[in-house]
Protein backbone atom coordinates (compact mmCIF):
# COMPACT_ATOMS: atom_id res chain seq x y z
CA UNK A 1 -4.92 1.06 -8.24
CA UNK A 2 -6.21 4.16 -6.52
CA UNK A 3 -7.41 3.87 -2.95
CA UNK A 4 -10.00 6.19 -1.43
CA UNK A 5 -9.93 6.62 2.31
CA UNK A 6 -13.38 5.88 3.74
CA UNK A 7 -14.88 8.37 6.15
CA UNK A 8 -15.40 7.41 9.77
CA UNK A 9 -19.14 7.24 9.08
CA UNK A 10 -18.53 4.77 6.23
CA UNK A 11 -16.30 2.65 8.44
CA UNK A 12 -18.88 2.65 11.22
CA UNK A 13 -21.45 1.25 8.76
CA UNK A 14 -19.09 -1.40 7.40
CA UNK A 15 -19.51 -5.00 8.49
CA UNK A 16 -16.62 -6.88 10.11
CA UNK A 17 -16.32 -9.07 6.99
CA UNK A 18 -16.07 -5.98 4.78
CA UNK A 19 -13.42 -4.51 7.08
CA UNK A 20 -11.47 -7.77 6.88
CA UNK A 21 -11.61 -7.60 3.07
CA UNK A 22 -10.41 -3.99 3.18
CA UNK A 23 -7.45 -5.01 5.34
CA UNK A 24 -6.52 -7.79 2.88
CA UNK A 25 -6.77 -5.35 -0.03
CA UNK A 26 -4.55 -2.83 1.78
CA UNK A 27 -1.92 -5.48 2.50
CA UNK A 28 -1.99 -6.52 -1.16
CA UNK A 29 -1.50 -2.89 -2.20
CA UNK A 30 1.39 -2.50 0.27
CA UNK A 31 3.04 -5.67 -1.02
CA UNK A 32 2.69 -4.43 -4.62
CA UNK A 33 4.23 -1.08 -3.68
CA UNK A 34 7.07 -2.80 -1.82
CA UNK A 35 7.83 -4.89 -4.90
CA UNK A 36 7.80 -1.77 -7.07
CA UNK A 37 10.18 0.04 -4.71
CA UNK A 38 12.55 -2.94 -4.77
CA UNK A 39 12.44 -2.98 -8.59
CA UNK A 40 13.26 0.72 -8.72
CA UNK A 41 16.06 0.35 -6.17
CA UNK A 42 17.55 -2.50 -8.20
CA UNK A 43 17.24 -0.47 -11.39
CA UNK A 44 18.95 2.61 -9.95
CA UNK A 45 21.32 0.76 -7.64
CA UNK A 46 20.30 3.15 -4.86
CA UNK A 47 19.35 0.87 -1.98
CA UNK A 48 20.68 3.09 0.81
CA UNK A 49 17.84 5.60 0.56
CA UNK A 50 20.37 8.38 0.02
CA UNK A 51 20.52 10.26 -3.27
CA UNK A 52 23.53 9.54 -5.47
CA UNK A 53 25.48 12.64 -6.48
């Protein structure tokens, strides 16, 4: 999923319901990314955020 940041003009013309939907979509994308990060951390065993050398 690729997200495109709307311009301020586009946001100004967006209805409150459309903005609500955008917020839900962004939270879904964040949750998906968080799950992917956790999968990668589990796969590499690097959960500290520090590179293993």
